Amino acid sequence: MACHVKRNVSGGPSYAFVSDSNSVDTAIVYVHGFLGHAQSTWEQLQYYVDRLDNEPFRDVDLFFYDYPAEDNFVHLSVPSLRAFLNQIFPLPPPELLEVHFRDLDWRLTDDPEVITLREHRPYSRLVLVGHSLGAVVIRRLIADEALTAHANRTTPSGLEAERLLDSELVLMAPAHLGFQPTGRTALFQILPFSAFVLRSAFLFRAFSDLQQGCHFLTQLQRETERMAGCFPKSPAFQPRILWGDTEGIVTVGRFDSDSPNAMRYAEGKDHVTVCKLTRAYLTPAEIVLRRDLAHGA
């Protein structure tokens, strides 16, 4: 039976669940949205990762990326995500696979100082999962990488940029068409009132990139659709998109280059709950893993 061990990534707030299976070939990176968190946005995935039948996450390392989404314009968040991905993909840092016994509550006198979870090998598959604003950051990153690759296809830098274009995208309640509350209380479904007041000085930065028809989103859609035509076989331009059927925070829809068949709707889920795994709701894992987990909890 495989086991995932929680590991900090470079001493920051981001962390990983690292598998001890020697057949690991996939890195899944989760990117939260506005006022989201690397822990709470994706609950209860961390609990269920080793508790699903048939161990669907056995050969997967899960990375939960944390960043000040609400404090920055998207173009400032993109380089930070790129740096994080370069740090872990395609070859994760070797220390990520090492567990020190001093970090555990028990130890035998003849135990080694460090154990290695598995062999140190590169990943062959990268999946980028974004919720709300996190999905926008991911789409901007992919568009930027494609523009670089298209302009420099004959140079090493262009070939390196194409590496991220081979990643798979899963977008949950993406804000890529803009912020559009559809009810009087919609905003307060995702923003605790105290946090809304205390952080009001920063809201302009976050929401200025999410206004319907704004330059940023219009440019993102235009460039994404153009690059999808330039890289028709790129998985990064064939996202899988998940919506809750009670979405009331952002505009529901897709870019013209996204396949209608990639759209999926979760019954009874809203902007917040659409990405939260439960015993009765396995869709957030199914859409990432591309497999049916109907009997998996």
Protein backbone atom coordinates (compact mmCIF):
# COMPACT_ATOMS: atom_id res chain seq x y z
CA MET A 1 0.00 0.00 0.00
CA ALA A 2 1.32 3.42 -0.98
CA CYS A 3 1.59 6.21 1.55
CA HIS A 4 1.84 9.97 1.05
CA VAL A 5 3.99 12.02 3.41
CA LYS A 6 3.43 15.73 3.89
CA ARG A 7 6.54 17.77 3.06
CA ASN A 8 7.15 21.51 3.03
CA VAL A 9 8.45 22.94 -0.23
CA SER A 10 11.44 25.27 0.23
CA GLY A 11 10.36 26.18 3.73
CA GLY A 12 7.44 28.30 2.51
CA PRO A 13 3.67 27.93 2.97
CA SER A 14 3.38 25.65 -0.07
CA TYR A 15 3.58 21.94 0.67
CA ALA A 16 3.44 18.54 -0.99
CA PHE A 17 2.01 15.10 -0.34
CA VAL A 18 4.80 12.86 -1.60
CA SER A 19 4.16 9.20 -2.43
CA ASP A 20 6.56 6.45 -1.41
CA SER A 21 5.74 4.44 -4.56
CA ASN A 22 8.69 3.88 -6.91
CA SER A 23 6.32 4.09 -9.88
CA VAL A 24 5.40 7.77 -9.34
CA ASP A 25 5.24 9.52 -12.72
CA THR A 26 2.84 12.45 -12.14
CA ALA A 27 2.94 15.78 -10.35
CA ILE A 28 -0.39 17.51 -9.68
CA VAL A 29 -0.17 21.18 -8.67
CA TYR A 30 -3.17 22.82 -7.01
CA VAL A 31 -3.50 26.63 -7.27
CA HIS A 32 -6.13 28.29 -5.06
CA GLY A 33 -8.07 31.45 -5.86
CA PHE A 34 -9.03 34.75 -4.23
CA LEU A 35 -8.75 34.56 -0.43
CA GLY A 36 -8.16 30.86 -0.89
CA HIS A 37 -5.62 28.75 0.92
CA ALA A 38 -3.40 25.81 0.05
CA GLN A 39 -5.12 23.80 2.77
CA SER A 40 -8.75 24.87 3.06
CA THR A 41 -9.56 25.34 -0.64
CA TRP A 42 -8.94 21.66 -1.41
CA GLU A 43 -10.34 19.99 1.70
CA GLN A 44 -10.81 17.07 2.19
CA LEU A 45 -8.46 15.85 -0.53
CA GLN A 46 -5.56 15.73 1.91
CA TYR A 47 -7.51 13.33 4.12
CA TYR A 48 -8.70 11.04 1.34
CA VAL A 49 -5.50 10.84 -0.71
CA ASP A 50 -4.59 7.46 0.82
CA ARG A 51 -8.11 6.38 1.73
CA LEU A 52 -9.63 5.74 -1.69
CA ASP A 53 -10.14 2.22 -3.02
CA ASN A 54 -7.56 1.00 -5.55
CA GLU A 55 -5.15 3.78 -4.54
CA PRO A 56 -5.80 6.12 -7.49
CA PHE A 57 -3.17 8.61 -6.20
CA ARG A 58 -0.53 5.91 -5.70
CA ASP A 59 1.75 7.10 -8.51
CA VAL A 60 1.08 10.81 -7.96
CA ASP A 61 2.72 13.55 -5.90
CA LEU A 62 0.34 16.37 -4.96
CA PHE A 63 1.62 19.93 -4.58
CA PHE A 64 -0.48 22.61 -2.89
CA TYR A 65 0.82 26.00 -4.02
CA ASP A 66 0.18 28.99 -1.78
CA TYR A 67 0.51 32.62 -2.83
CA PRO A 68 -1.08 36.03 -2.02
CA ALA A 69 -3.66 35.81 -4.80
CA GLU A 70 -5.77 38.71 -3.62
CA ASP A 71 -2.83 41.09 -3.11
CA ASN A 72 -1.37 40.98 -6.63
CA PHE A 73 -2.37 41.57 -10.19
CA VAL A 74 -2.35 38.28 -12.11
CA HIS A 75 0.74 39.24 -14.10
CA LEU A 76 2.63 39.44 -10.79
CA SER A 77 1.41 36.02 -9.65
CA VAL A 78 2.46 34.27 -12.88
CA PRO A 79 6.27 34.51 -12.41
CA SER A 80 5.92 33.16 -8.87
CA LEU A 81 3.97 30.13 -10.10
CA ARG A 82 6.47 29.61 -12.92
CA ALA A 83 9.35 29.63 -10.43
CA PHE A 84 7.52 27.11 -8.24
CA LEU A 85 6.93 24.77 -11.18
CA ASN A 86 10.55 25.04 -12.30
CA GLN A 87 11.55 24.03 -8.80
CA ILE A 88 9.59 20.78 -8.82
CA PHE A 89 9.17 19.77 -12.48
CA PRO A 90 10.31 17.74 -14.24
CA LEU A 91 12.72 16.67 -11.48
CA PRO A 92 11.64 17.27 -7.88
CA PRO A 93 14.32 18.37 -5.40
CA PRO A 94 15.90 15.29 -3.76
CA GLU A 95 15.28 16.62 -0.26
CA LEU A 96 11.56 16.39 -0.95
CA LEU A 97 11.93 12.61 -0.83
CA GLU A 98 13.86 12.57 2.43
CA VAL A 99 12.27 12.25 5.86
CA HIS A 100 14.28 13.05 8.98
CA PHE A 101 13.55 10.93 12.00
CA ARG A 102 14.03 13.97 14.21
CA ASP A 103 10.73 15.21 12.76
CA LEU A 104 8.89 12.14 14.04
CA ASP A 105 7.65 11.37 17.54
CA TRP A 106 9.41 8.04 17.79
CA ARG A 107 12.80 6.61 16.97
CA LEU A 108 14.87 3.50 17.68
CA THR A 109 18.52 3.86 18.63
CA ASP A 110 19.74 2.07 15.51
CA ASP A 111 17.47 3.97 13.08
CA PRO A 112 19.20 6.00 10.37
CA GLU A 113 19.04 9.79 10.52
CA VAL A 114 17.23 10.02 7.18
CA ILE A 115 15.06 7.67 5.16
CA THR A 116 14.36 8.12 1.45
CA LEU A 117 10.77 7.61 0.37
CA ARG A 118 11.61 6.34 -3.12
CA GLU A 119 14.05 6.58 -6.01
CA HIS A 120 14.78 10.08 -7.27
CA ARG A 121 13.42 10.23 -10.83
CA PRO A 122 11.76 12.90 -13.00
CA TYR A 123 8.04 13.15 -13.59
CA SER A 124 6.65 12.44 -17.04
CA ARG A 125 3.26 14.11 -16.47
CA LEU A 126 2.21 17.45 -15.00
CA VAL A 127 -1.37 18.43 -14.13
CA LEU A 128 -2.20 22.03 -13.17
CA VAL A 129 -5.41 22.44 -11.18
CA GLY A 130 -6.78 25.93 -10.57
CA HIS A 131 -9.81 27.20 -8.67
CA SER A 132 -11.39 30.56 -9.56
CA LEU A 133 -8.61 33.17 -9.76
CA GLY A 134 -6.06 30.33 -9.62
CA ALA A 135 -7.40 29.09 -12.96
CA VAL A 136 -6.81 32.54 -14.44
CA VAL A 137 -3.21 32.57 -13.20
CA ILE A 138 -2.65 29.16 -14.82
CA ARG A 139 -4.20 30.22 -18.14
CA ARG A 140 -2.06 33.38 -18.20
CA LEU A 141 1.04 31.29 -17.52
CA ILE A 142 0.23 28.88 -20.36
CA ALA A 143 -0.52 31.71 -22.79
CA ASP A 144 2.79 33.39 -21.90
CA GLU A 145 4.71 30.14 -22.36
CA ALA A 146 3.05 29.56 -25.72
CA LEU A 147 3.82 33.08 -26.93
CA THR A 148 7.47 32.59 -25.95
CA ALA A 149 7.65 29.17 -27.57
CA HIS A 150 6.00 30.39 -30.76
CA ALA A 151 8.38 33.32 -31.07
CA ASN A 152 11.51 31.25 -30.35
CA ARG A 153 10.73 27.78 -31.62
CA THR A 154 14.19 27.33 -33.12
CA THR A 155 16.02 28.29 -29.92
CA PRO A 156 16.64 26.27 -26.74
CA SER A 157 14.58 28.75 -24.71
CA GLY A 158 11.62 28.16 -26.99
CA LEU A 159 11.89 24.41 -26.62
CA GLU A 160 12.10 24.78 -22.83
CA ALA A 161 8.97 26.92 -22.81
CA GLU A 162 7.08 24.18 -24.66
CA ARG A 163 7.59 21.87 -21.66
CA LEU A 164 4.68 23.47 -19.80
CA LEU A 165 2.51 23.24 -22.90
CA ASP A 166 2.53 19.47 -22.41
CA SER A 167 0.82 19.86 -19.04
CA GLU A 168 -2.86 19.07 -18.49
CA LEU A 169 -5.22 21.74 -17.15
CA VAL A 170 -8.15 21.23 -14.81
CA LEU A 171 -10.11 24.42 -14.11
CA MET A 172 -12.65 24.45 -11.28
CA ALA A 173 -15.11 27.38 -11.30
CA PRO A 174 -12.60 29.40 -13.34
CA ALA A 175 -12.88 33.18 -13.28
CA HIS A 176 -11.55 33.42 -16.84
CA LEU A 177 -14.71 35.24 -18.09
CA GLY A 178 -14.95 37.57 -15.12
CA PHE A 179 -16.42 38.15 -11.71
CA GLN A 180 -20.21 38.39 -11.84
CA PRO A 181 -22.19 37.80 -8.62
CA THR A 182 -25.72 36.75 -9.51
CA GLY A 183 -27.37 37.34 -6.17
CA ARG A 184 -27.46 39.92 -3.39
CA THR A 185 -25.54 37.63 -1.03
CA ALA A 186 -23.31 35.93 -3.59
CA LEU A 187 -20.14 37.77 -2.61
CA PHE A 188 -20.53 36.85 1.03
CA GLN A 189 -20.69 33.19 0.16
CA ILE A 190 -16.93 33.36 -0.41
CA LEU A 191 -15.78 36.37 1.61
CA PRO A 192 -16.18 36.46 5.39
CA PHE A 193 -17.40 39.97 6.21
CA SER A 194 -14.47 40.73 8.54
CA ALA A 195 -11.93 39.69 5.91
CA PHE A 196 -13.78 41.74 3.29
CA VAL A 197 -13.46 44.88 5.39
CA LEU A 198 -9.92 44.31 6.62
CA ARG A 199 -8.55 43.57 3.18
CA SER A 200 -10.61 46.10 1.23
CA ALA A 201 -7.50 48.09 0.36
CA PHE A 202 -6.25 45.15 -1.69
CA LEU A 203 -9.47 44.24 -3.45
CA PHE A 204 -8.89 46.60 -6.35
CA ARG A 205 -5.74 44.72 -7.34
CA ALA A 206 -7.47 41.36 -7.30
CA PHE A 207 -10.76 42.32 -8.91
CA SER A 208 -9.41 44.75 -11.49
CA ASP A 209 -8.22 41.73 -13.48
CA LEU A 210 -11.58 39.99 -13.14
CA GLN A 211 -14.04 42.57 -14.41
CA GLN A 212 -16.11 41.37 -17.34
CA GLY A 213 -14.79 42.78 -20.61
CA CYS A 214 -11.66 44.26 -19.03
CA HIS A 215 -8.48 44.47 -21.08
CA PHE A 216 -6.73 41.77 -19.08
CA LEU A 217 -9.38 39.08 -19.60
CA THR A 218 -10.01 40.08 -23.20
CA GLN A 219 -6.32 39.83 -23.98
CA LEU A 220 -6.02 36.51 -22.12
CA GLN A 221 -8.88 35.00 -24.11
CA ARG A 222 -7.63 36.36 -27.44
CA GLU A 223 -4.05 35.16 -26.91
CA THR A 224 -5.14 31.78 -25.54
CA GLU A 225 -7.36 31.13 -28.55
CA ARG A 226 -4.64 32.24 -30.96
CA MET A 227 -1.99 30.06 -29.31
CA ALA A 228 -4.38 27.11 -29.22
CA GLY A 229 -4.40 27.36 -33.01
CA CYS A 230 -0.61 27.45 -33.10
CA PHE A 231 -0.29 24.44 -30.77
CA PRO A 232 -3.32 22.29 -31.67
CA LYS A 233 -1.89 19.14 -30.07
CA SER A 234 -0.95 20.81 -26.78
CA PRO A 235 -2.85 19.35 -23.80
CA ALA A 236 -2.55 22.71 -22.05
CA PHE A 237 -5.06 24.14 -24.54
CA GLN A 238 -7.54 21.32 -23.95
CA PRO A 239 -8.61 22.03 -20.34
CA ARG A 240 -11.12 20.02 -18.37
CA ILE A 241 -13.55 22.47 -16.75
CA LEU A 242 -15.73 21.81 -13.71
CA TRP A 243 -18.62 24.01 -12.60
CA GLY A 244 -21.08 23.78 -9.75
CA ASP A 245 -24.63 24.02 -11.08
CA THR A 246 -25.39 26.70 -8.47
CA GLU A 247 -22.40 28.90 -9.41
CA GLY A 248 -23.13 32.51 -8.45
CA ILE A 249 -19.78 34.24 -8.24
CA VAL A 250 -18.14 34.17 -11.68
CA THR A 251 -19.46 34.00 -15.23
CA VAL A 252 -19.99 30.44 -16.42
CA GLY A 253 -18.52 29.70 -19.84
CA ARG A 254 -15.49 28.71 -21.86
CA PHE A 255 -13.07 30.18 -24.37
CA ASP A 256 -13.86 29.47 -28.03
CA SER A 257 -10.81 27.18 -28.19
CA ASP A 258 -12.09 25.02 -25.30
CA SER A 259 -14.05 21.92 -26.21
CA PRO A 260 -17.74 21.92 -25.17
CA ASN A 261 -17.23 18.26 -24.25
CA ALA A 262 -14.71 19.32 -21.60
CA MET A 263 -17.38 21.13 -19.55
CA ARG A 264 -18.77 19.24 -16.58
CA TYR A 265 -21.37 20.33 -13.99
CA ALA A 266 -21.59 19.12 -10.40
CA GLU A 267 -25.10 18.93 -8.99
CA GLY A 268 -25.76 20.99 -5.89
CA LYS A 269 -22.29 22.56 -5.79
CA ASP A 270 -21.45 26.25 -5.73
CA HIS A 271 -18.31 28.32 -6.29
CA VAL A 272 -16.74 27.20 -3.01
CA THR A 273 -17.85 23.57 -2.68
CA VAL A 274 -17.24 22.51 -6.29
CA CYS A 275 -13.58 21.75 -5.53
CA LYS A 276 -14.00 20.13 -2.10
CA LEU A 277 -13.79 16.33 -2.03
CA THR A 278 -16.14 14.40 0.24
CA ARG A 279 -17.08 10.76 0.67
CA ALA A 280 -20.18 11.34 -1.45
CA TYR A 281 -18.58 13.76 -3.92
CA LEU A 282 -15.53 12.35 -5.70
CA THR A 283 -15.73 14.49 -8.85
CA PRO A 284 -12.77 16.76 -7.90
CA ALA A 285 -10.54 13.67 -7.89
CA GLU A 286 -12.16 12.02 -10.91
CA ILE A 287 -11.71 14.99 -13.22
CA VAL A 288 -8.04 15.33 -12.26
CA LEU A 289 -7.23 11.63 -12.48
CA ARG A 290 -9.51 10.99 -15.48
CA ARG A 291 -11.03 7.92 -13.92
CA ASP A 292 -14.32 6.91 -12.30
CA LEU A 293 -14.07 6.66 -8.52
CA ALA A 294 -17.75 5.93 -7.92
CA HIS A 295 -16.87 3.18 -5.43
CA GLY A 296 -13.70 4.79 -4.23
CA ALA A 297 -14.33 6.00 -0.68
